[in-house]
C-alpha atoms as a PDB file:
ATOM      1  CA  MET A   1     -13.440  37.268  -7.728  1.00  0.00           C
ATOM      2  CA  PRO A   2     -12.099  34.469  -5.082  1.00  0.00           C
ATOM      3  CA  ASP A   3      -8.445  33.749  -5.212  1.00  0.00           C
ATOM      4  CA  PRO A   4      -7.305  30.443  -7.009  1.00  0.00           C
ATOM      5  CA  ILE A   5      -6.564  27.233  -5.034  1.00  0.00           C
ATOM      6  CA  ASN A   6      -3.081  26.487  -4.349  1.00  0.00           C
ATOM      7  CA  TRP A   7      -2.159  22.930  -5.775  1.00  0.00           C
ATOM      8  CA  ARG A   8      -0.207  22.276  -2.716  1.00  0.00           C
ATOM      9  CA  SER A   9      -2.889  23.142  -0.373  1.00  0.00           C
ATOM     10  CA  LYS A  10      -3.562  19.447   0.210  1.00  0.00           C
ATOM     11  CA  ILE A  11      -4.795  17.724   3.490  1.00  0.00           C
ATOM     12  CA  LEU A  12      -5.279  13.985   3.911  1.00  0.00           C
ATOM     13  CA  LEU A  13      -6.720  12.548   7.313  1.00  0.00           C
ATOM     14  CA  ALA A  14      -7.533   8.869   7.771  1.00  0.00           C
ATOM     15  CA  LYS A  15      -8.834   6.902  10.347  1.00  0.00           C
ATOM     16  CA  ILE A  16     -10.346   3.426  11.063  1.00  0.00           C
ATOM     17  CA  GLU A  17     -14.100   3.085  11.022  1.00  0.00           C
ATOM     18  CA  THR A  18     -16.409   1.315  13.778  1.00  0.00           C
ATOM     19  CA  VAL A  19     -18.915   0.756  11.495  1.00  0.00           C
ATOM     20  CA  TYR A  20     -18.184   0.134   7.726  1.00  0.00           C
ATOM     21  CA  GLY A  21     -19.354   2.979   5.786  1.00  0.00           C
ATOM     22  CA  THR A  22     -19.949   5.151   9.068  1.00  0.00           C
ATOM     23  CA  ASP A  23     -17.718   8.454   9.383  1.00  0.00           C
ATOM     24  CA  ALA A  24     -15.266   7.946  11.928  1.00  0.00           C
ATOM     25  CA  VAL A  25     -14.583  11.804  11.656  1.00  0.00           C
ATOM     26  CA  PRO A  26     -10.665  12.007  11.312  1.00  0.00           C
ATOM     27  CA  THR A  27      -8.969  15.105  12.892  1.00  0.00           C
ATOM     28  CA  GLY A  28      -5.629  17.100  12.009  1.00  0.00           C
ATOM     29  CA  ALA A  29      -4.363  16.444  15.686  1.00  0.00           C
ATOM     30  CA  ASP A  30      -4.562  12.743  15.598  1.00  0.00           C
ATOM     31  CA  ASN A  31      -5.148  11.563  11.981  1.00  0.00           C
ATOM     32  CA  ALA A  32      -3.112  13.401   9.522  1.00  0.00           C
ATOM     33  CA  ILE A  33      -1.401  11.722   6.778  1.00  0.00           C
ATOM     34  CA  LEU A  34       2.302  12.984   5.572  1.00  0.00           C
ATOM     35  CA  ALA A  35       1.727  11.916   2.152  1.00  0.00           C
ATOM     36  CA  VAL A  36       3.862  12.109  -1.110  1.00  0.00           C
ATOM     37  CA  ASP A  37       2.298  12.643  -4.512  1.00  0.00           C
ATOM     38  CA  VAL A  38      -0.969  12.676  -4.096  1.00  0.00           C
ATOM     39  CA  THR A  39      -3.530  12.364  -7.085  1.00  0.00           C
ATOM     40  CA  LEU A  40      -7.438  12.042  -6.700  1.00  0.00           C
ATOM     41  CA  ALA A  41     -10.158  10.690  -8.879  1.00  0.00           C
ATOM     42  CA  PRO A  42     -13.119  12.405  -7.224  1.00  0.00           C
ATOM     43  CA  MET A  43     -16.127  11.059  -9.249  1.00  0.00           C
ATOM     44  CA  GLU A  44     -15.098   7.250 -10.712  1.00  0.00           C
ATOM     45  CA  GLY A  45     -18.210   5.603 -11.601  1.00  0.00           C
ATOM     46  CA  GLU A  46     -20.117   4.190 -14.916  1.00  0.00           C
ATOM     47  CA  ASP A  47     -22.608   6.467 -17.009  1.00  0.00           C
ATOM     48  CA  VAL A  48     -25.828   5.044 -17.829  1.00  0.00           C
ATOM     49  CA  SER A  49     -27.658   6.497 -21.381  1.00  0.00           C
ATOM     50  CA  ARG A  50     -31.604   6.970 -21.077  1.00  0.00           C
ATOM     51  CA  ASN A  51     -31.325   5.573 -24.563  1.00  0.00           C
ATOM     52  CA  LEU A  52     -34.450   7.255 -25.554  1.00  0.00           C
ATOM     53  CA  GLU A  53     -36.122   6.752 -29.186  1.00  0.00           C
ATOM     54  CA  ARG A  54     -36.560  10.453 -30.351  1.00  0.00           C
ATOM     55  CA  PRO A  55     -37.503  11.574 -33.846  1.00  0.00           C
ATOM     56  CA  PHE A  56     -34.326  13.590 -34.261  1.00  0.00           C
ATOM     57  CA  LEU A  57     -30.679  13.228 -33.561  1.00  0.00           C
ATOM     58  CA  GLY A  58     -28.488  14.517 -30.737  1.00  0.00           C
ATOM     59  CA  ALA A  59     -27.010  13.453 -27.144  1.00  0.00           C
ATOM     60  CA  GLN A  60     -28.879  12.172 -24.546  1.00  0.00           C
ATOM     61  CA  GLU A  61     -28.823  12.467 -20.559  1.00  0.00           C
ATOM     62  CA  GLU A  62     -26.773  10.024 -18.732  1.00  0.00           C
ATOM     63  CA  PHE A  63     -27.012   9.007 -15.297  1.00  0.00           C
ATOM     64  CA  LYS A  64     -24.339   8.784 -12.981  1.00  0.00           C
ATOM     65  CA  VAL A  65     -24.103   5.038 -11.195  1.00  0.00           C
ATOM     66  CA  GLY A  66     -21.575   3.350  -9.019  1.00  0.00           C
ATOM     67  CA  LEU A  67     -19.801   6.402  -8.076  1.00  0.00           C
ATOM     68  CA  ARG A  68     -16.760   6.173  -5.768  1.00  0.00           C
ATOM     69  CA  SER A  69     -13.687   8.287  -5.340  1.00  0.00           C
ATOM     70  CA  VAL A  70      -9.947   6.911  -5.725  1.00  0.00           C
ATOM     71  CA  LEU A  71      -7.200   8.349  -4.060  1.00  0.00           C
ATOM     72  CA  THR A  72      -3.446   7.405  -4.579  1.00  0.00           C
ATOM     73  CA  PHE A  73      -0.547   8.458  -2.609  1.00  0.00           C
ATOM     74  CA  SER A  74       2.565   7.369  -0.994  1.00  0.00           C
ATOM     75  CA  THR A  75       3.968   7.226   2.335  1.00  0.00           C
ATOM     76  CA  GLU A  76       7.608   6.702   3.601  1.00  0.00           C
ATOM     77  CA  LEU A  77       8.118   3.304   4.803  1.00  0.00           C
ATOM     78  CA  VAL A  78       9.256   3.799   8.417  1.00  0.00           C
ATOM     79  CA  GLY A  79       8.392   2.790  11.748  1.00  0.00           C
ATOM     80  CA  ALA A  80       6.895   4.807  14.831  1.00  0.00           C
ATOM     81  CA  GLY A  81      10.733   5.517  16.094  1.00  0.00           C
ATOM     82  CA  ALA A  82       9.851   3.274  19.120  1.00  0.00           C
ATOM     83  CA  THR A  83       9.446  -0.166  19.228  1.00  0.00           C
ATOM     84  CA  GLY A  84       5.964  -1.917  20.099  1.00  0.00           C
ATOM     85  CA  VAL A  85       4.183   1.308  18.629  1.00  0.00           C
ATOM     86  CA  ALA A  86       1.812   1.101  15.564  1.00  0.00           C
ATOM     87  CA  PRO A  87       3.114   3.666  12.445  1.00  0.00           C
ATOM     88  CA  ALA A  88       1.286   6.563  11.897  1.00  0.00           C
ATOM     89  CA  TRP A  89       0.106   4.737   8.613  1.00  0.00           C
ATOM     90  CA  GLY A  90      -1.107   2.022  10.133  1.00  0.00           C
ATOM     91  CA  SER A  91      -4.625   2.197   9.427  1.00  0.00           C
ATOM     92  CA  LEU A  92      -3.636   2.280   5.761  1.00  0.00           C
ATOM     93  CA  ALA A  93      -2.274  -1.155   6.156  1.00  0.00           C
ATOM     94  CA  ARG A  94      -5.360  -2.426   8.100  1.00  0.00           C
ATOM     95  CA  ALA A  95      -7.404  -0.880   5.196  1.00  0.00           C
ATOM     96  CA  CYS A  96      -5.364  -2.914   2.992  1.00  0.00           C
ATOM     97  CA  GLY A  97      -6.300  -6.549   4.101  1.00  0.00           C
ATOM     98  CA  LEU A  98      -3.832  -6.562   6.682  1.00  0.00           C
ATOM     99  CA  ALA A  99      -4.080  -7.242  10.444  1.00  0.00           C
ATOM    100  CA  GLU A 100      -1.743  -5.048  12.905  1.00  0.00           C
ATOM    101  CA  VAL A 101      -0.413  -7.208  15.640  1.00  0.00           C
ATOM    102  CA  VAL A 102       1.229  -4.827  18.223  1.00  0.00           C
ATOM    103  CA  THR A 103       3.311  -6.504  20.956  1.00  0.00           C
ATOM    104  CA  PRO A 104       4.600  -4.099  23.382  1.00  0.00           C
ATOM    105  CA  ASP A 105       8.094  -3.582  24.909  1.00  0.00           C
ATOM    106  CA  VAL A 106       9.226  -6.268  27.711  1.00  0.00           C
ATOM    107  CA  ASP A 107      12.822  -5.622  27.791  1.00  0.00           C
ATOM    108  CA  PRO A 108      13.814  -2.426  25.998  1.00  0.00           C
ATOM    109  CA  ASP A 109      13.566  -2.266  22.134  1.00  0.00           C
ATOM    110  CA  ASP A 110      12.020  -5.918  21.879  1.00  0.00           C
ATOM    111  CA  GLY A 111       8.266  -5.113  21.218  1.00  0.00           C
ATOM    112  CA  THR A 112       7.182  -5.402  17.451  1.00  0.00           C
ATOM    113  CA  VAL A 113       4.161  -4.451  15.274  1.00  0.00           C
ATOM    114  CA  VAL A 114       3.504  -7.015  12.554  1.00  0.00           C
ATOM    115  CA  TYR A 115       1.239  -6.394   9.335  1.00  0.00           C
ATOM    116  CA  LYS A 116      -0.027  -9.725   7.787  1.00  0.00           C
ATOM    117  CA  PRO A 117      -2.959 -10.859   5.513  1.00  0.00           C
ATOM    118  CA  VAL A 118      -6.388 -11.631   6.479  1.00  0.00           C
ATOM    119  CA  SER A 119      -8.879 -13.422   4.221  1.00  0.00           C
ATOM    120  CA  THR A 120     -11.875 -11.920   6.181  1.00  0.00           C
ATOM    121  CA  GLY A 121     -13.014  -9.104   8.683  1.00  0.00           C
ATOM    122  CA  HIS A 122     -11.377  -6.725   6.278  1.00  0.00           C
ATOM    123  CA  GLU A 123     -11.121  -3.118   8.073  1.00  0.00           C
ATOM    124  CA  SER A 124     -12.343   0.286   6.743  1.00  0.00           C
ATOM    125  CA  VAL A 125     -10.960   3.660   6.855  1.00  0.00           C
ATOM    126  CA  SER A 126     -12.590   7.133   6.855  1.00  0.00           C
ATOM    127  CA  ILE A 127     -10.537   9.826   4.623  1.00  0.00           C
ATOM    128  CA  TYR A 128     -11.185  13.356   4.569  1.00  0.00           C
ATOM    129  CA  PHE A 129      -9.008  15.120   1.472  1.00  0.00           C
ATOM    130  CA  LEU A 130      -9.064  18.512   1.286  1.00  0.00           C
ATOM    131  CA  ILE A 131      -7.431  21.107  -1.379  1.00  0.00           C
ATOM    132  CA  GLY A 132      -7.909  24.666  -0.550  1.00  0.00           C
ATOM    133  CA  GLY A 133     -11.367  25.152   1.553  1.00  0.00           C
ATOM    134  CA  THR A 134     -12.988  22.071  -0.938  1.00  0.00           C
ATOM    135  CA  ARG A 135     -13.551  18.675   1.348  1.00  0.00           C
ATOM    136  CA  HIS A 136     -14.019  15.230   0.237  1.00  0.00           C
ATOM    137  CA  VAL A 137     -15.350  12.690   2.368  1.00  0.00           C
ATOM    138  CA  MET A 138     -14.621   9.415   1.431  1.00  0.00           C
ATOM    139  CA  LYS A 139     -16.003   6.811   3.591  1.00  0.00           C
ATOM    140  CA  GLY A 140     -15.752   2.857   3.188  1.00  0.00           C
ATOM    141  CA  CYS A 141     -12.339   3.003   2.024  1.00  0.00           C
ATOM    142  CA  ARG A 142     -10.418  -0.054   1.366  1.00  0.00           C
ATOM    143  CA  GLY A 143      -7.360  -0.825  -0.839  1.00  0.00           C
ATOM    144  CA  THR A 144      -4.244  -1.671  -1.618  1.00  0.00           C
ATOM    145  CA  GLY A 145      -0.379  -0.895  -1.515  1.00  0.00           C
ATOM    146  CA  VAL A 146       3.052  -1.486  -3.492  1.00  0.00           C
ATOM    147  CA  ILE A 147       6.296  -1.562  -1.025  1.00  0.00           C
ATOM    148  CA  THR A 148       9.029  -0.020  -2.872  1.00  0.00           C
ATOM    149  CA  ALA A 149      12.948  -0.255  -1.627  1.00  0.00           C
ATOM    150  CA  ASN A 150      15.067   0.404  -4.403  1.00  0.00           C
ATOM    151  CA  ALA A 151      18.887   1.405  -3.870  1.00  0.00           C
ATOM    152  CA  GLN A 152      20.059   5.192  -3.116  1.00  0.00           C
ATOM    153  CA  GLY A 153      15.879   6.017  -2.818  1.00  0.00           C
ATOM    154  CA  VAL A 154      13.505   6.598   0.398  1.00  0.00           C
ATOM    155  CA  PRO A 155      11.752   3.220   0.996  1.00  0.00           C
ATOM    156  CA  VAL A 156       7.709   3.926   0.407  1.00  0.00           C
ATOM    157  CA  ILE A 157       4.182   2.569   0.372  1.00  0.00           C
ATOM    158  CA  ARG A 158       2.274   3.442  -2.381  1.00  0.00           C
ATOM    159  CA  TRP A 159      -1.318   3.464  -1.521  1.00  0.00           C
ATOM    160  CA  THR A 160      -4.484   3.141  -3.439  1.00  0.00           C
ATOM    161  CA  MET A 161      -7.773   3.862  -1.423  1.00  0.00           C
ATOM    162  CA  THR A 162     -11.281   3.618  -3.035  1.00  0.00           C
ATOM    163  CA  GLY A 163     -14.305   4.854  -1.059  1.00  0.00           C
ATOM    164  CA  LEU A 164     -18.017   5.567  -1.337  1.00  0.00           C
ATOM    165  CA  PHE A 165     -18.538   9.149  -3.190  1.00  0.00           C
ATOM    166  CA  ALA A 166     -20.159  11.855  -1.090  1.00  0.00           C
ATOM    167  CA  MET A 167     -20.548  15.507  -2.564  1.00  0.00           C
ATOM    168  CA  PRO A 168     -17.585  17.733  -1.470  1.00  0.00           C
ATOM    169  CA  SER A 169     -18.130  20.923   0.240  1.00  0.00           C
ATOM    170  CA  GLU A 170     -16.280  23.924   1.806  1.00  0.00           C
ATOM    171  CA  GLN A 171     -15.194  23.485   4.721  1.00  0.00           C
ATOM    172  CA  THR A 172     -12.670  25.168   7.242  1.00  0.00           C
ATOM    173  CA  ARG A 173      -9.393  23.604   7.026  1.00  0.00           C
ATOM    174  CA  PRO A 174      -7.860  21.829  10.493  1.00  0.00           C
ATOM    175  CA  THR A 175      -4.609  22.081  12.009  1.00  0.00           C
ATOM    176  CA  VAL A 176      -2.770  19.104  11.455  1.00  0.00           C
ATOM    177  CA  ASP A 177       0.115  17.532  13.390  1.00  0.00           C
ATOM    178  CA  PHE A 178       2.621  15.372  11.493  1.00  0.00           C
ATOM    179  CA  SER A 179       5.023  14.600  14.600  1.00  0.00           C
ATOM    180  CA  ASP A 180       4.031  10.788  14.681  1.00  0.00           C
ATOM    181  CA  PHE A 181       5.667  10.551  11.239  1.00  0.00           C
ATOM    182  CA  LYS A 182       9.636   9.862  11.693  1.00  0.00           C
ATOM    183  CA  THR A 183      12.512  10.853   9.329  1.00  0.00           C
ATOM    184  CA  PRO A 184      13.339   7.395   7.159  1.00  0.00           C
ATOM    185  CA  SER A 185      16.869   6.392   5.862  1.00  0.00           C
ATOM    186  CA  VAL A 186      17.476   5.839   2.434  1.00  0.00           C
ATOM    187  CA  VAL A 187      18.189   2.346   0.917  1.00  0.00           C
ATOM    188  CA  THR A 188      21.681   1.678   0.822  1.00  0.00           C
ATOM    189  CA  ASN A 189      24.452  -1.121   1.762  1.00  0.00           C
ATOM    190  CA  THR A 190      24.668   0.252   5.143  1.00  0.00           C
ATOM    191  CA  ASN A 191      21.162   0.852   5.820  1.00  0.00           C
ATOM    192  CA  THR A 192      19.726  -1.955   4.349  1.00  0.00           C
ATOM    193  CA  PRO A 193      21.952  -5.344   6.197  1.00  0.00           C
ATOM    194  CA  VAL A 194      19.575  -8.105   4.903  1.00  0.00           C
ATOM    195  CA  PHE A 195      18.391  -9.140   1.284  1.00  0.00           C
ATOM    196  CA  THR A 196      18.547 -12.506   0.769  1.00  0.00           C
ATOM    197  CA  LEU A 197      16.401 -14.999  -1.832  1.00  0.00           C
ATOM    198  CA  GLY A 198      16.668 -18.709  -1.060  1.00  0.00           C
ATOM    199  CA  ALA A 199      18.753 -17.973   2.041  1.00  0.00           C
ATOM    200  CA  VAL A 200      21.396 -16.672  -0.484  1.00  0.00           C
ATOM    201  CA  ALA A 201      22.810 -13.194  -0.337  1.00  0.00           C
ATOM    202  CA  LEU A 202      22.198 -11.252  -3.494  1.00  0.00           C
ATOM    203  CA  VAL A 203      23.039  -7.825  -4.625  1.00  0.00           C
ATOM    204  CA  MET A 204      20.063  -5.872  -4.921  1.00  0.00           C
ATOM    205  CA  ARG A 205      19.431  -3.020  -6.931  1.00  0.00           C
ATOM    206  CA  SER A 206      15.506  -2.712  -6.754  1.00  0.00           C
ATOM    207  CA  PHE A 207      12.750  -4.217  -4.652  1.00  0.00           C
ATOM    208  CA  GLU A 208       8.839  -4.154  -4.801  1.00  0.00           C
ATOM    209  CA  LEU A 209       5.951  -5.944  -3.254  1.00  0.00           C
ATOM    210  CA  ASN A 210       2.916  -5.444  -4.736  1.00  0.00           C
ATOM    211  CA  LEU A 211       0.163  -6.403  -2.144  1.00  0.00           C
ATOM    212  CA  GLY A 212      -2.289  -7.149  -5.535  1.00  0.00           C
ATOM    213  CA  CYS A 213      -5.474  -6.737  -3.193  1.00  0.00           C
ATOM    214  CA  ASP A 214      -8.415  -6.883  -5.847  1.00  0.00           C
ATOM    215  CA  VAL A 215     -10.492  -3.882  -4.917  1.00  0.00           C
ATOM    216  CA  GLN A 216     -14.611  -3.815  -6.133  1.00  0.00           C
ATOM    217  CA  PRO A 217     -17.301  -1.524  -5.613  1.00  0.00           C
ATOM    218  CA  ARG A 218     -20.246  -3.741  -4.990  1.00  0.00           C
ATOM    219  CA  MET A 219     -23.281  -1.262  -5.703  1.00  0.00           C
ATOM    220  CA  LEU A 220     -26.464  -2.997  -4.823  1.00  0.00           C
ATOM    221  CA  VAL A 221     -29.904  -2.402  -3.294  1.00  0.00           C
ATOM    222  CA  GLY A 222     -29.259  -2.945   0.157  1.00  0.00           C
ATOM    223  CA  ARG A 223     -25.447  -2.961  -0.218  1.00  0.00           C
ATOM    224  CA  GLU A 224     -23.172  -0.156  -1.451  1.00  0.00           C
ATOM    225  CA  GLU A 225     -19.514  -1.374  -0.186  1.00  0.00           C
ATOM    226  CA  ILE A 226     -15.885  -1.240  -1.378  1.00  0.00           C
ATOM    227  CA  ARG A 227     -14.675  -4.843  -1.023  1.00  0.00           C
ATOM    228  CA  ILE A 228     -11.322  -6.545  -1.368  1.00  0.00           C
ATOM    229  CA  VAL A 229     -12.246  -9.764  -3.325  1.00  0.00           C
ATOM    230  CA  ASP A 230      -9.133 -11.371  -3.492  1.00  0.00           C
ATOM    231  CA  ARG A 231      -5.635 -10.973  -3.197  1.00  0.00           C
ATOM    232  CA  ALA A 232      -2.506 -12.431  -4.976  1.00  0.00           C
ATOM    233  CA  GLU A 233       1.115 -10.638  -4.005  1.00  0.00           C
ATOM    234  CA  GLN A 234       4.098 -10.220  -5.804  1.00  0.00           C
ATOM    235  CA  ILE A 235       7.615  -9.391  -5.207  1.00  0.00           C
ATOM    236  CA  SER A 236       9.949  -8.075  -8.520  1.00  0.00           C
ATOM    237  CA  CYS A 237      13.576  -6.834  -7.666  1.00  0.00           C
ATOM    238  CA  SER A 238      16.528  -6.387  -9.782  1.00  0.00           C
ATOM    239  CA  VAL A 239      19.743  -8.303  -8.843  1.00  0.00           C
ATOM    240  CA  GLU A 240      23.100  -8.706  -9.812  1.00  0.00           C
ATOM    241  CA  ALA A 241      23.598 -12.197 -11.593  1.00  0.00           C
ATOM    242  CA  VAL A 242      25.522 -14.683 -10.115  1.00  0.00           C
ATOM    243  CA  PRO A 243      26.938 -18.153 -11.011  1.00  0.00           C
ATOM    244  CA  LEU A 244      24.354 -20.444 -11.261  1.00  0.00           C
ATOM    245  CA  THR A 245      25.674 -22.882  -8.739  1.00  0.00           C
ATOM    246  CA  THR A 246      25.417 -20.235  -6.425  1.00  0.00           C
ATOM    247  CA  PHE A 247      21.420 -19.236  -6.959  1.00  0.00           C
ATOM    248  CA  ASN A 248      19.737 -20.782 -10.303  1.00  0.00           C
ATOM    249  CA  PRO A 249      16.494 -18.828 -11.086  1.00  0.00           C
ATOM    250  CA  PHE A 250      15.844 -21.184 -13.640  1.00  0.00           C
ATOM    251  CA  ASP A 251      15.813 -24.115 -12.056  1.00  0.00           C
ATOM    252  CA  ARG A 252      13.849 -23.067  -9.344  1.00  0.00           C
ATOM    253  CA  ALA A 253      11.282 -21.821 -11.454  1.00  0.00           C
ATOM    254  CA  LEU A 254      10.865 -25.128 -13.214  1.00  0.00           C
ATOM    255  CA  SER A 255      11.403 -27.313 -10.105  1.00  0.00           C
ATOM    256  CA  LEU A 256       8.623 -25.149  -8.302  1.00  0.00           C
ATOM    257  CA  THR A 257      11.444 -25.083  -5.242  1.00  0.00           C
ATOM    258  CA  PRO A 258      10.085 -22.897  -2.430  1.00  0.00           C
ATOM    259  CA  THR A 259      12.340 -19.607  -2.430  1.00  0.00           C
ATOM    260  CA  ALA A 260      11.755 -17.686   1.079  1.00  0.00           C
ATOM    261  CA  VAL A 261      12.361 -13.930   0.243  1.00  0.00           C
ATOM    262  CA  ALA A 262      14.047 -11.341   3.236  1.00  0.00           C
ATOM    263  CA  LEU A 263      14.569  -7.832   3.380  1.00  0.00           C
ATOM    264  CA  THR A 264      15.667  -5.669   6.158  1.00  0.00           C
ATOM    265  CA  HIS A 265      16.027  -1.738   6.198  1.00  0.00           C
ATOM    266  CA  GLY A 266      17.055  -0.004   8.949  1.00  0.00           C
ATOM    267  CA  THR A 267      19.504  -0.062  11.710  1.00  0.00           C
ATOM    268  CA  VAL A 268      17.829   1.665  14.628  1.00  0.00           C
ATOM    269  CA  ALA A 269      15.428  -0.148  16.929  1.00  0.00           C
ATOM    270  CA  GLY A 270      11.990   1.473  16.363  1.00  0.00           C
ATOM    271  CA  PHE A 271      12.989   2.432  12.873  1.00  0.00           C
ATOM    272  CA  LYS A 272      13.418  -0.904  11.473  1.00  0.00           C
ATOM    273  CA  THR A 273      11.492  -2.616   8.701  1.00  0.00           C
ATOM    274  CA  SER A 274      11.571  -6.555   7.530  1.00  0.00           C
ATOM    275  CA  ILE A 275       9.719  -8.228   5.061  1.00  0.00           C
ATOM    276  CA  ALA A 276       9.773 -11.973   5.174  1.00  0.00           C
ATOM    277  CA  VAL A 277       7.908 -14.580   2.683  1.00  0.00           C
ATOM    278  CA  PRO A 278       8.927 -18.132   4.033  1.00  0.00           C
ATOM    279  CA  THR A 279       7.705 -19.684   0.706  1.00  0.00           C
ATOM    280  CA  GLY A 280       8.039 -17.857  -2.715  1.00  0.00           C
ATOM    281  CA  SER A 281       7.577 -19.400  -6.217  1.00  0.00           C
ATOM    282  CA  VAL A 282      10.178 -17.838  -8.631  1.00  0.00           C
ATOM    283  CA  ALA A 283       8.305 -17.070 -11.940  1.00  0.00           C
ATOM    284  CA  ARG A 284      10.209 -17.783 -15.555  1.00  0.00           C
ATOM    285  CA  LEU A 285      13.155 -15.257 -16.277  1.00  0.00           C
ATOM    286  CA  THR A 286      11.854 -13.583 -19.182  1.00  0.00           C
ATOM    287  CA  GLY A 287      15.113 -11.522 -20.071  1.00  0.00           C
ATOM    288  CA  TYR A 288      18.409 -10.204 -18.950  1.00  0.00           C
ATOM    289  CA  GLU A 289      19.249  -6.559 -18.082  1.00  0.00           C
ATOM    290  CA  GLN A 290      22.446  -4.551 -17.866  1.00  0.00           C
ATOM    291  CA  GLN A 291      23.448  -1.746 -15.887  1.00  0.00           C
ATOM    292  CA  GLN A 292      27.038  -0.129 -16.031  1.00  0.00           C
ATOM    293  CA  ASN A 293      27.600  -3.065 -18.258  1.00  0.00           C
ATOM    294  CA  LEU A 294      27.014  -5.874 -15.631  1.00  0.00           C
ATOM    295  CA  LEU A 295      24.479  -8.604 -16.012  1.00  0.00           C
ATOM    296  CA  GLU A 296      21.465  -8.275 -13.826  1.00  0.00           C
ATOM    297  CA  TRP A 297      18.395 -10.745 -13.418  1.00  0.00           C
ATOM    298  CA  PRO A 298      14.767  -9.049 -13.063  1.00  0.00           C
ATOM    299  CA  LEU A 299      13.425 -11.552 -10.988  1.00  0.00           C
ATOM    300  CA  ARG A 300       9.693 -11.886  -9.909  1.00  0.00           C
ATOM    301  CA  VAL A 301       8.543 -14.123  -6.795  1.00  0.00           C
ATOM    302  CA  THR A 302       4.912 -14.947  -6.109  1.00  0.00           C
ATOM    303  CA  PRO A 303       4.454 -15.052  -2.195  1.00  0.00           C
ATOM    304  CA  ILE A 304       2.418 -18.500  -1.646  1.00  0.00           C
ATOM    305  CA  PRO A 305       0.688 -19.019   1.832  1.00  0.00           C
ATOM    306  CA  SER A 306       0.869 -22.485   3.499  1.00  0.00           C
ATOM    307  CA  SER A 307      -2.284 -24.769   4.202  1.00  0.00           C
ATOM    308  CA  ALA A 308      -2.965 -22.793   7.171  1.00  0.00           C
ATOM    309  CA  GLY A 309      -3.567 -19.656   4.941  1.00  0.00           C
ATOM    310  CA  ASP A 310      -2.582 -15.952   5.461  1.00  0.00           C
ATOM    311  CA  ASP A 311       0.828 -16.339   6.299  1.00  0.00           C
ATOM    312  CA  GLN A 312       2.395 -15.844   2.625  1.00  0.00           C
ATOM    313  CA  PHE A 313       4.246 -12.641   4.080  1.00  0.00           C
ATOM    314  CA  THR A 314       4.465 -10.678   7.051  1.00  0.00           C
ATOM    315  CA  LEU A 315       5.959  -6.714   7.453  1.00  0.00           C
ATOM    316  CA  THR A 316       7.277  -6.532  10.787  1.00  0.00           C
ATOM    317  CA  LEU A 317       8.499  -3.137  12.614  1.00  0.00           C
ATOM    318  CA  HIS A 318      10.933  -3.537  14.921  1.00  0.00           C
END
């Protein structure tokens, strides 16, 4: 009898595709993803019954259609350890409808890597997911993500990647190299020097930026594809309440006052991450919260693009 498969034997590889849906053949040496809390729905889809009219009772066969695989996992939010170098998780961001703009160093430590939304030309990745010797190949993957930076926690990006289904098979497990993944810093007052709403510095407990990509399978004759058909980013944060003369979320919600959002985490070049929303729209404040008997506001801010488009937020590594 064969040995059981160890749950913690998971390996995840991801590589940008040159042609959509064509296997990019990721390798353990160059494309390994250091992931956290991985879950796989290996065979998502719909079931179509034959609906035969028969002179007796009983179940019927169902065709399995629209098949795709959905992989959910997190990576730590940290740069490459050097400025002007894309992080090891950059391929995932590109497959979530974000353009990657790399500006190499000219003077020491002045390079940047900027991720910003694009409405067309979305890239895709091939993902290999192995557990034991069972390998799932997900081609044509696109997805969405949620960036979380909570006080006293490790900042992460939670990815949900959807790819075309392929029959899994038993394969030799690759040797993986995680050296491109750097150690992050915890979100603290020292490590997270900037958090402002409307240029007002507030005390923040939690922060979340949902990329809000609407990812849908398009399974037609002549085209089988996973597409990002829309996006609607959303920021959620919990902050200590302040006098309304300092920051008034009620007035900002009613008057549609443009409210910029800025967050910078990290203090060492190559490890710093900044999120900037030039124009945000504050949502209705629907309730109060308290922590340690102090009043907190659960705020929601929607990043709004300008008339030029694709500029509602940037994620900068520097």
